Amino acid sequence: MDEAIARANANVALVQSWGWRTPDLNLPYTGSISLTLDGLCSTARWSNRPDLDGDRLTINGRPTTGPTAERLHAHIERLRRAAGRQTRCAVTIDTGMRRDGLGALTAAFAALSLAGSAALDLNPTPRELSILARRGTGSAARSVFGGFVEVQGGELGDGSDCYAEPLATPEHWPLAVLIAAVRTNGRRGVTAAPAHDLKHSPFFPAWLEAHDNDLESLRAAVLARDLERLGSVMEHNCLKARAVALAAVPPLITFAPATVAVIERVHELRAAGCAAYFTVGAGPHVTVLCAPADSRVVAAALADTPGVADVLQSAPGEAAALVSAA
């Protein structure tokens, strides 16, 4: 196959992994559980081009340089090595999302992994595709699948036991997902917390000790469709992760002032009887889960919060998929 096009959605971690036990392989210290998000997608077109002298990479219509381009080029080469092929290629990526911190790169690596695998005739199983996507960026392993997804953190040094697998389909629990994109005044979130910083945080051992319980509790909440339990575990896990980062040396501070304002607004909504729950990833934006019947009220409250630039509405999304191939 000479060309393939694939699309993948971003995801939000409900139980987070934090830091890498083996950074070169993107192997996390812990497992994680996520929700794939409808409408927050990236598309990748991979064309084998033996006529080119070198690979050609464009993102959102422009040739790309810098660290992001280097990571994508490295992943292109990784896929070629897996296929035993050296054919040059032209890769075009459309992130769809122009705002930083909304998972565009996660979705891009998942889409690129699928498109490249198809164009190179790799034919990976879903688990193997998840492992390939993880090599690009850790969270991309989860975007291979739709709905609720769990990553097995694994123990082996080669990463063969670290992969994502489906937990529940998007139809299992059609929650409303609202993302409060906050104004950052130039602040950028971290894309990957340095493992040595986190490991030497005084709170890191407690984080590891409690993590399996968080995974078990949230897994049970998803399967039972228990929003109160899911929200409680998700929020506590998120804040514990931030505590580890804040106590690291040097500290990792990813909240913007508006991040805290949104969290306080979610607390106010719950006090008023609206079951809404938050989580915050590696950047400053806040994701809020609630029942679809409450989404209009929650969206209006978030939009009215000082420092919120936009509120994006989503729901459980589908797995990565080939759009077309020729």
Foldseek 3Di string as FASTA:
>chain_A
DFKFKWKWFFKDWLQDFAAAPDVQQLQTPFKTKIFGWPPQMKMKMKGFDQPDPAAFEEEQHHGDDDDLVVLVVVLLVVLCVLLVHDGHIYMYMYLSDPDPDRGSSLRRLLRCLVGSCVNSVVPDDLFVSLSSSCSSPNSNLQRQFFGMKMWGSDDDPVCSRTGIDDLDHLVLAWWKKKKQAFDAVPDWFDRHDHRVQLVPQPLNVVLSVCSVVLVVQLSVCSNVVPLVSSQVSSQVSQVSSQSSQCRTVVHHDAAGVLLVQLQVLCVVCVVVPFRKHWHHDRHHMIMIIGHPVCVVVSLVSSVPGPRGPHMDMITTDGGMDIPDTD
